[in-house]
């Protein structure tokens, strides 16, 4: 099966965790992320923080799996071969990762207080998860028209990224918002432990990613 842009893999690997493309604006973006979380902590918005961290943990899991796919098959499903100040993993630069670190907080702001309210017969949490996932999937159609983001395989596109990436992102985030604190901590902690184990095994020990 042919690939859309097989050269993108080599381009991404050439800058993977290299300091050469670094730009100072990354520090500003990091400061803004810290400001967002500290503001939510000051406001004791623990539910919003749970929505943000749960999405971010799913984001890391998906990116790690994409990097493992790259090592085992020769090509990731998506890559970020240029345009980033620091490529963390084969498919994600620091700018995207910082954005996803607060995306759950941002989108939790539009959730109705009544978690049981329905929109067109659908539970509003589920409806917002689908809507947010669709928005991000459509936005990726624009991204892949730039050199900065590449869908490598011809069968990988907006529909597959919608179903396998963004729906999990926002389902976990939107529902985590309403869970009991103990359940929130368990979910986020479990995802963190899984991600940390994968990074140690496949990154530090095996050096696959």
C-alpha atoms as a PDB file:
ATOM      1  CA  UNK A   1       0.000   0.000   0.000  1.00  0.00           C
ATOM      2  CA  UNK A   2       1.371   3.409  -0.984  1.00  0.00           C
ATOM      3  CA  UNK A   3       2.016   6.192   1.456  1.00  0.00           C
ATOM      4  CA  UNK A   4       0.940   9.804   1.127  1.00  0.00           C
ATOM      5  CA  UNK A   5       4.231  11.323   2.242  1.00  0.00           C
ATOM      6  CA  UNK A   6       6.809   8.666   3.213  1.00  0.00           C
ATOM      7  CA  UNK A   7       9.540  11.313   3.295  1.00  0.00           C
ATOM      8  CA  UNK A   8       7.819  12.965   6.264  1.00  0.00           C
ATOM      9  CA  UNK A   9       8.986  10.171   8.554  1.00  0.00           C
ATOM     10  CA  UNK A  10      12.677  10.826   7.871  1.00  0.00           C
ATOM     11  CA  UNK A  11      12.117  14.577   8.191  1.00  0.00           C
ATOM     12  CA  UNK A  12      10.439  14.164  11.579  1.00  0.00           C
ATOM     13  CA  UNK A  13      13.065  11.744  12.861  1.00  0.00           C
ATOM     14  CA  UNK A  14      15.777  14.224  11.870  1.00  0.00           C
ATOM     15  CA  UNK A  15      14.437  16.816  14.323  1.00  0.00           C
ATOM     16  CA  UNK A  16      13.076  14.444  16.988  1.00  0.00           C
ATOM     17  CA  UNK A  17      13.978  15.943  20.393  1.00  0.00           C
ATOM     18  CA  UNK A  18      16.624  18.097  18.751  1.00  0.00           C
ATOM     19  CA  UNK A  19      17.293  21.500  20.254  1.00  0.00           C
ATOM     20  CA  UNK A  20      18.133  23.050  16.879  1.00  0.00           C
ATOM     21  CA  UNK A  21      14.604  24.318  16.018  1.00  0.00           C
ATOM     22  CA  UNK A  22      14.014  25.796  19.487  1.00  0.00           C
ATOM     23  CA  UNK A  23      12.253  29.166  19.700  1.00  0.00           C
ATOM     24  CA  UNK A  24      11.805  31.309  22.818  1.00  0.00           C
ATOM     25  CA  UNK A  25       8.024  31.564  22.409  1.00  0.00           C
ATOM     26  CA  UNK A  26       7.795  28.072  23.927  1.00  0.00           C
ATOM     27  CA  UNK A  27       8.636  29.597  27.315  1.00  0.00           C
ATOM     28  CA  UNK A  28       5.752  32.045  26.949  1.00  0.00           C
ATOM     29  CA  UNK A  29       3.344  29.242  26.000  1.00  0.00           C
ATOM     30  CA  UNK A  30       4.474  27.220  29.018  1.00  0.00           C
ATOM     31  CA  UNK A  31       3.952  30.232  31.284  1.00  0.00           C
ATOM     32  CA  UNK A  32       0.418  30.660  29.920  1.00  0.00           C
ATOM     33  CA  UNK A  33      -0.384  26.993  30.599  1.00  0.00           C
ATOM     34  CA  UNK A  34       0.912  27.337  34.165  1.00  0.00           C
ATOM     35  CA  UNK A  35      -1.194  30.498  34.560  1.00  0.00           C
ATOM     36  CA  UNK A  36      -4.328  28.667  33.413  1.00  0.00           C
ATOM     37  CA  UNK A  37      -3.818  25.832  35.909  1.00  0.00           C
ATOM     38  CA  UNK A  38      -2.866  28.133  38.784  1.00  0.00           C
ATOM     39  CA  UNK A  39      -5.964  30.239  38.091  1.00  0.00           C
ATOM     40  CA  UNK A  40      -8.189  27.167  38.196  1.00  0.00           C
ATOM     41  CA  UNK A  41      -6.493  26.031  41.416  1.00  0.00           C
ATOM     42  CA  UNK A  42      -7.041  29.476  42.967  1.00  0.00           C
ATOM     43  CA  UNK A  43     -10.692  29.250  41.958  1.00  0.00           C
ATOM     44  CA  UNK A  44     -10.850  25.700  43.328  1.00  0.00           C
ATOM     45  CA  UNK A  45     -12.186  24.485  39.996  1.00  0.00           C
ATOM     46  CA  UNK A  46     -11.143  20.909  40.612  1.00  0.00           C
ATOM     47  CA  UNK A  47     -13.637  19.562  38.084  1.00  0.00           C
ATOM     48  CA  UNK A  48     -12.155  21.686  35.306  1.00  0.00           C
ATOM     49  CA  UNK A  49      -8.654  20.601  36.276  1.00  0.00           C
ATOM     50  CA  UNK A  50      -9.780  16.965  36.170  1.00  0.00           C
ATOM     51  CA  UNK A  51     -11.209  17.523  32.688  1.00  0.00           C
ATOM     52  CA  UNK A  52      -7.922  19.079  31.586  1.00  0.00           C
ATOM     53  CA  UNK A  53      -5.580  16.477  33.051  1.00  0.00           C
ATOM     54  CA  UNK A  54      -7.662  13.502  31.910  1.00  0.00           C
ATOM     55  CA  UNK A  55      -7.652  14.725  28.309  1.00  0.00           C
ATOM     56  CA  UNK A  56      -3.921  15.388  28.514  1.00  0.00           C
ATOM     57  CA  UNK A  57      -3.228  11.871  29.768  1.00  0.00           C
ATOM     58  CA  UNK A  58      -5.214  10.357  26.867  1.00  0.00           C
ATOM     59  CA  UNK A  59      -3.312  12.659  24.500  1.00  0.00           C
ATOM     60  CA  UNK A  60       0.011  11.292  25.751  1.00  0.00           C
ATOM     61  CA  UNK A  61      -1.194   7.693  25.494  1.00  0.00           C
ATOM     62  CA  UNK A  62      -2.263   8.185  21.872  1.00  0.00           C
ATOM     63  CA  UNK A  63       0.995   9.902  20.926  1.00  0.00           C
ATOM     64  CA  UNK A  64       3.056   7.139  22.539  1.00  0.00           C
ATOM     65  CA  UNK A  65       1.115   4.487  20.610  1.00  0.00           C
ATOM     66  CA  UNK A  66       1.657   6.449  17.385  1.00  0.00           C
ATOM     67  CA  UNK A  67       5.402   6.532  18.101  1.00  0.00           C
ATOM     68  CA  UNK A  68       5.447   2.772  18.764  1.00  0.00           C
ATOM     69  CA  UNK A  69       3.643   2.219  15.450  1.00  0.00           C
ATOM     70  CA  UNK A  70       6.363   4.239  13.750  1.00  0.00           C
ATOM     71  CA  UNK A  71       9.084   2.025  15.179  1.00  0.00           C
ATOM     72  CA  UNK A  72       7.347  -1.292  14.467  1.00  0.00           C
ATOM     73  CA  UNK A  73       6.067  -0.508  10.951  1.00  0.00           C
ATOM     74  CA  UNK A  74       8.497   2.162   9.750  1.00  0.00           C
ATOM     75  CA  UNK A  75       5.900   4.931   9.626  1.00  0.00           C
ATOM     76  CA  UNK A  76       3.626   6.587  12.180  1.00  0.00           C
ATOM     77  CA  UNK A  77      -0.011   7.299  11.389  1.00  0.00           C
ATOM     78  CA  UNK A  78       0.741  11.022  11.581  1.00  0.00           C
ATOM     79  CA  UNK A  79       3.934  13.044  11.857  1.00  0.00           C
ATOM     80  CA  UNK A  80       4.975  16.642  12.499  1.00  0.00           C
ATOM     81  CA  UNK A  81       8.043  16.989  10.271  1.00  0.00           C
ATOM     82  CA  UNK A  82       8.470  20.750  10.491  1.00  0.00           C
ATOM     83  CA  UNK A  83       7.102  23.930  12.031  1.00  0.00           C
ATOM     84  CA  UNK A  84       7.692  23.031  15.669  1.00  0.00           C
ATOM     85  CA  UNK A  85      10.235  24.436  18.098  1.00  0.00           C
ATOM     86  CA  UNK A  86      10.653  21.013  19.701  1.00  0.00           C
ATOM     87  CA  UNK A  87       9.358  17.665  18.458  1.00  0.00           C
ATOM     88  CA  UNK A  88       8.577  15.612  21.566  1.00  0.00           C
ATOM     89  CA  UNK A  89       7.432  12.432  19.815  1.00  0.00           C
ATOM     90  CA  UNK A  90       7.160  11.580  16.120  1.00  0.00           C
ATOM     91  CA  UNK A  91       3.657  13.043  15.833  1.00  0.00           C
ATOM     92  CA  UNK A  92       3.553  15.905  18.305  1.00  0.00           C
ATOM     93  CA  UNK A  93       5.464  19.108  18.821  1.00  0.00           C
ATOM     94  CA  UNK A  94       5.643  21.044  22.056  1.00  0.00           C
ATOM     95  CA  UNK A  95       3.116  23.632  20.867  1.00  0.00           C
ATOM     96  CA  UNK A  96       0.387  21.053  20.199  1.00  0.00           C
ATOM     97  CA  UNK A  97       1.109  19.252  23.432  1.00  0.00           C
ATOM     98  CA  UNK A  98       0.824  22.455  25.472  1.00  0.00           C
ATOM     99  CA  UNK A  99      -2.461  23.245  23.738  1.00  0.00           C
ATOM    100  CA  UNK A 100      -3.858  19.808  24.604  1.00  0.00           C
ATOM    101  CA  UNK A 101      -2.736  20.282  28.210  1.00  0.00           C
ATOM    102  CA  UNK A 102      -5.433  22.948  28.649  1.00  0.00           C
ATOM    103  CA  UNK A 103      -7.985  21.863  26.008  1.00  0.00           C
ATOM    104  CA  UNK A 104     -10.014  19.892  28.526  1.00  0.00           C
ATOM    105  CA  UNK A 105     -10.234  22.899  30.850  1.00  0.00           C
ATOM    106  CA  UNK A 106     -11.237  25.185  27.996  1.00  0.00           C
ATOM    107  CA  UNK A 107     -14.023  22.954  26.695  1.00  0.00           C
ATOM    108  CA  UNK A 108     -15.328  22.141  30.172  1.00  0.00           C
ATOM    109  CA  UNK A 109     -16.272  25.829  30.413  1.00  0.00           C
ATOM    110  CA  UNK A 110     -19.153  25.323  27.975  1.00  0.00           C
ATOM    111  CA  UNK A 111     -20.649  22.299  29.721  1.00  0.00           C
ATOM    112  CA  UNK A 112     -24.146  22.873  31.164  1.00  0.00           C
ATOM    113  CA  UNK A 113     -24.360  22.589  34.939  1.00  0.00           C
ATOM    114  CA  UNK A 114     -26.994  19.876  34.555  1.00  0.00           C
ATOM    115  CA  UNK A 115     -25.055  16.796  33.496  1.00  0.00           C
ATOM    116  CA  UNK A 116     -28.300  14.986  32.629  1.00  0.00           C
ATOM    117  CA  UNK A 117     -29.658  17.609  30.244  1.00  0.00           C
ATOM    118  CA  UNK A 118     -30.138  16.352  26.717  1.00  0.00           C
ATOM    119  CA  UNK A 119     -29.343  18.011  23.414  1.00  0.00           C
ATOM    120  CA  UNK A 120     -31.449  16.655  20.550  1.00  0.00           C
ATOM    121  CA  UNK A 121     -32.129  13.586  22.654  1.00  0.00           C
ATOM    122  CA  UNK A 122     -28.446  12.983  23.465  1.00  0.00           C
ATOM    123  CA  UNK A 123     -26.845  13.441  26.868  1.00  0.00           C
ATOM    124  CA  UNK A 124     -25.093  16.808  26.735  1.00  0.00           C
ATOM    125  CA  UNK A 125     -21.727  15.423  27.870  1.00  0.00           C
ATOM    126  CA  UNK A 126     -21.770  12.926  25.018  1.00  0.00           C
ATOM    127  CA  UNK A 127     -23.021  15.559  22.581  1.00  0.00           C
ATOM    128  CA  UNK A 128     -20.244  17.999  23.502  1.00  0.00           C
ATOM    129  CA  UNK A 129     -17.658  15.221  23.279  1.00  0.00           C
ATOM    130  CA  UNK A 130     -18.809  14.413  19.737  1.00  0.00           C
ATOM    131  CA  UNK A 131     -18.988  18.082  18.764  1.00  0.00           C
ATOM    132  CA  UNK A 132     -15.535  18.887  20.116  1.00  0.00           C
ATOM    133  CA  UNK A 133     -14.079  15.788  18.452  1.00  0.00           C
ATOM    134  CA  UNK A 134     -15.641  16.782  15.133  1.00  0.00           C
ATOM    135  CA  UNK A 135     -14.245  20.320  15.431  1.00  0.00           C
ATOM    136  CA  UNK A 136     -10.691  19.076  15.993  1.00  0.00           C
ATOM    137  CA  UNK A 137     -10.965  16.477  13.222  1.00  0.00           C
ATOM    138  CA  UNK A 138     -12.140  19.085  10.729  1.00  0.00           C
ATOM    139  CA  UNK A 139      -9.338  21.418  11.824  1.00  0.00           C
ATOM    140  CA  UNK A 140      -6.816  18.676  11.064  1.00  0.00           C
ATOM    141  CA  UNK A 141      -7.991  18.746   7.440  1.00  0.00           C
ATOM    142  CA  UNK A 142      -6.537  22.247   7.310  1.00  0.00           C
ATOM    143  CA  UNK A 143      -3.375  21.233   9.160  1.00  0.00           C
ATOM    144  CA  UNK A 144      -2.506  18.483   6.684  1.00  0.00           C
ATOM    145  CA  UNK A 145      -2.587  21.047   3.879  1.00  0.00           C
ATOM    146  CA  UNK A 146       0.457  22.621   5.511  1.00  0.00           C
ATOM    147  CA  UNK A 147       3.960  21.094   5.644  1.00  0.00           C
ATOM    148  CA  UNK A 148       3.819  21.039   9.446  1.00  0.00           C
ATOM    149  CA  UNK A 149       1.447  18.076   9.877  1.00  0.00           C
ATOM    150  CA  UNK A 150       1.158  14.919   7.783  1.00  0.00           C
ATOM    151  CA  UNK A 151      -1.258  11.997   7.584  1.00  0.00           C
ATOM    152  CA  UNK A 152       1.156   9.350   6.340  1.00  0.00           C
ATOM    153  CA  UNK A 153      -1.201   6.568   5.251  1.00  0.00           C
ATOM    154  CA  UNK A 154      -3.901   7.144   2.615  1.00  0.00           C
ATOM    155  CA  UNK A 155      -6.519   5.394   4.763  1.00  0.00           C
ATOM    156  CA  UNK A 156      -5.808   7.624   7.770  1.00  0.00           C
ATOM    157  CA  UNK A 157      -7.825  10.824   7.722  1.00  0.00           C
ATOM    158  CA  UNK A 158     -10.501  12.945   9.358  1.00  0.00           C
ATOM    159  CA  UNK A 159     -12.900  10.055   9.966  1.00  0.00           C
ATOM    160  CA  UNK A 160     -10.342   7.741  11.539  1.00  0.00           C
ATOM    161  CA  UNK A 161      -8.809  10.473  13.679  1.00  0.00           C
ATOM    162  CA  UNK A 162     -12.323  11.461  14.777  1.00  0.00           C
ATOM    163  CA  UNK A 163     -13.220   7.925  15.854  1.00  0.00           C
ATOM    164  CA  UNK A 164      -9.948   6.708  17.347  1.00  0.00           C
ATOM    165  CA  UNK A 165      -8.279   9.867  18.683  1.00  0.00           C
ATOM    166  CA  UNK A 166     -10.589  12.775  19.401  1.00  0.00           C
ATOM    167  CA  UNK A 167     -13.666  10.911  20.587  1.00  0.00           C
ATOM    168  CA  UNK A 168     -11.588   9.171  23.316  1.00  0.00           C
ATOM    169  CA  UNK A 169      -9.969  12.533  24.179  1.00  0.00           C
ATOM    170  CA  UNK A 170     -13.240  14.300  24.809  1.00  0.00           C
ATOM    171  CA  UNK A 171     -15.349  11.429  26.104  1.00  0.00           C
ATOM    172  CA  UNK A 172     -12.902  10.922  28.965  1.00  0.00           C
ATOM    173  CA  UNK A 173     -12.557  14.662  29.587  1.00  0.00           C
ATOM    174  CA  UNK A 174     -16.235  15.621  29.463  1.00  0.00           C
ATOM    175  CA  UNK A 175     -17.348  12.735  31.668  1.00  0.00           C
ATOM    176  CA  UNK A 176     -14.402  13.014  34.072  1.00  0.00           C
ATOM    177  CA  UNK A 177     -15.640  16.528  34.829  1.00  0.00           C
ATOM    178  CA  UNK A 178     -18.626  15.068  36.736  1.00  0.00           C
ATOM    179  CA  UNK A 179     -17.034  12.063  38.408  1.00  0.00           C
ATOM    180  CA  UNK A 180     -16.443  11.905  42.132  1.00  0.00           C
ATOM    181  CA  UNK A 181     -12.997  13.224  43.165  1.00  0.00           C
ATOM    182  CA  UNK A 182     -11.752   9.740  44.058  1.00  0.00           C
ATOM    183  CA  UNK A 183     -12.756   8.416  40.627  1.00  0.00           C
ATOM    184  CA  UNK A 184     -11.114  11.409  38.926  1.00  0.00           C
ATOM    185  CA  UNK A 185      -7.865  10.856  40.793  1.00  0.00           C
ATOM    186  CA  UNK A 186      -7.947   7.118  40.050  1.00  0.00           C
ATOM    187  CA  UNK A 187      -8.538   7.665  36.315  1.00  0.00           C
ATOM    188  CA  UNK A 188      -5.884  10.370  35.923  1.00  0.00           C
ATOM    189  CA  UNK A 189      -3.390   8.521  38.124  1.00  0.00           C
ATOM    190  CA  UNK A 190      -3.887   5.256  36.245  1.00  0.00           C
ATOM    191  CA  UNK A 191      -3.409   6.922  32.867  1.00  0.00           C
ATOM    192  CA  UNK A 192      -0.328   8.719  34.168  1.00  0.00           C
ATOM    193  CA  UNK A 193       1.147   5.439  35.445  1.00  0.00           C
ATOM    194  CA  UNK A 194       0.469   3.686  32.133  1.00  0.00           C
ATOM    195  CA  UNK A 195       2.032   6.532  30.144  1.00  0.00           C
ATOM    196  CA  UNK A 196       5.057   6.664  32.446  1.00  0.00           C
ATOM    197  CA  UNK A 197       5.556   2.902  32.133  1.00  0.00           C
ATOM    198  CA  UNK A 198       5.307   3.057  28.343  1.00  0.00           C
ATOM    199  CA  UNK A 199       7.801   5.933  28.173  1.00  0.00           C
ATOM    200  CA  UNK A 200      10.275   4.091  30.397  1.00  0.00           C
ATOM    201  CA  UNK A 201       9.928   0.771  28.550  1.00  0.00           C
ATOM    202  CA  UNK A 202       9.772   1.995  24.961  1.00  0.00           C
ATOM    203  CA  UNK A 203      11.673   5.246  25.368  1.00  0.00           C
ATOM    204  CA  UNK A 204      14.383   4.753  27.965  1.00  0.00           C
ATOM    205  CA  UNK A 205      14.967   0.991  27.918  1.00  0.00           C
ATOM    206  CA  UNK A 206      14.184  -0.117  24.353  1.00  0.00           C
ATOM    207  CA  UNK A 207      14.757   3.330  22.778  1.00  0.00           C
ATOM    208  CA  UNK A 208      11.968   2.728  20.282  1.00  0.00           C
ATOM    209  CA  UNK A 209      10.421   6.150  20.581  1.00  0.00           C
END
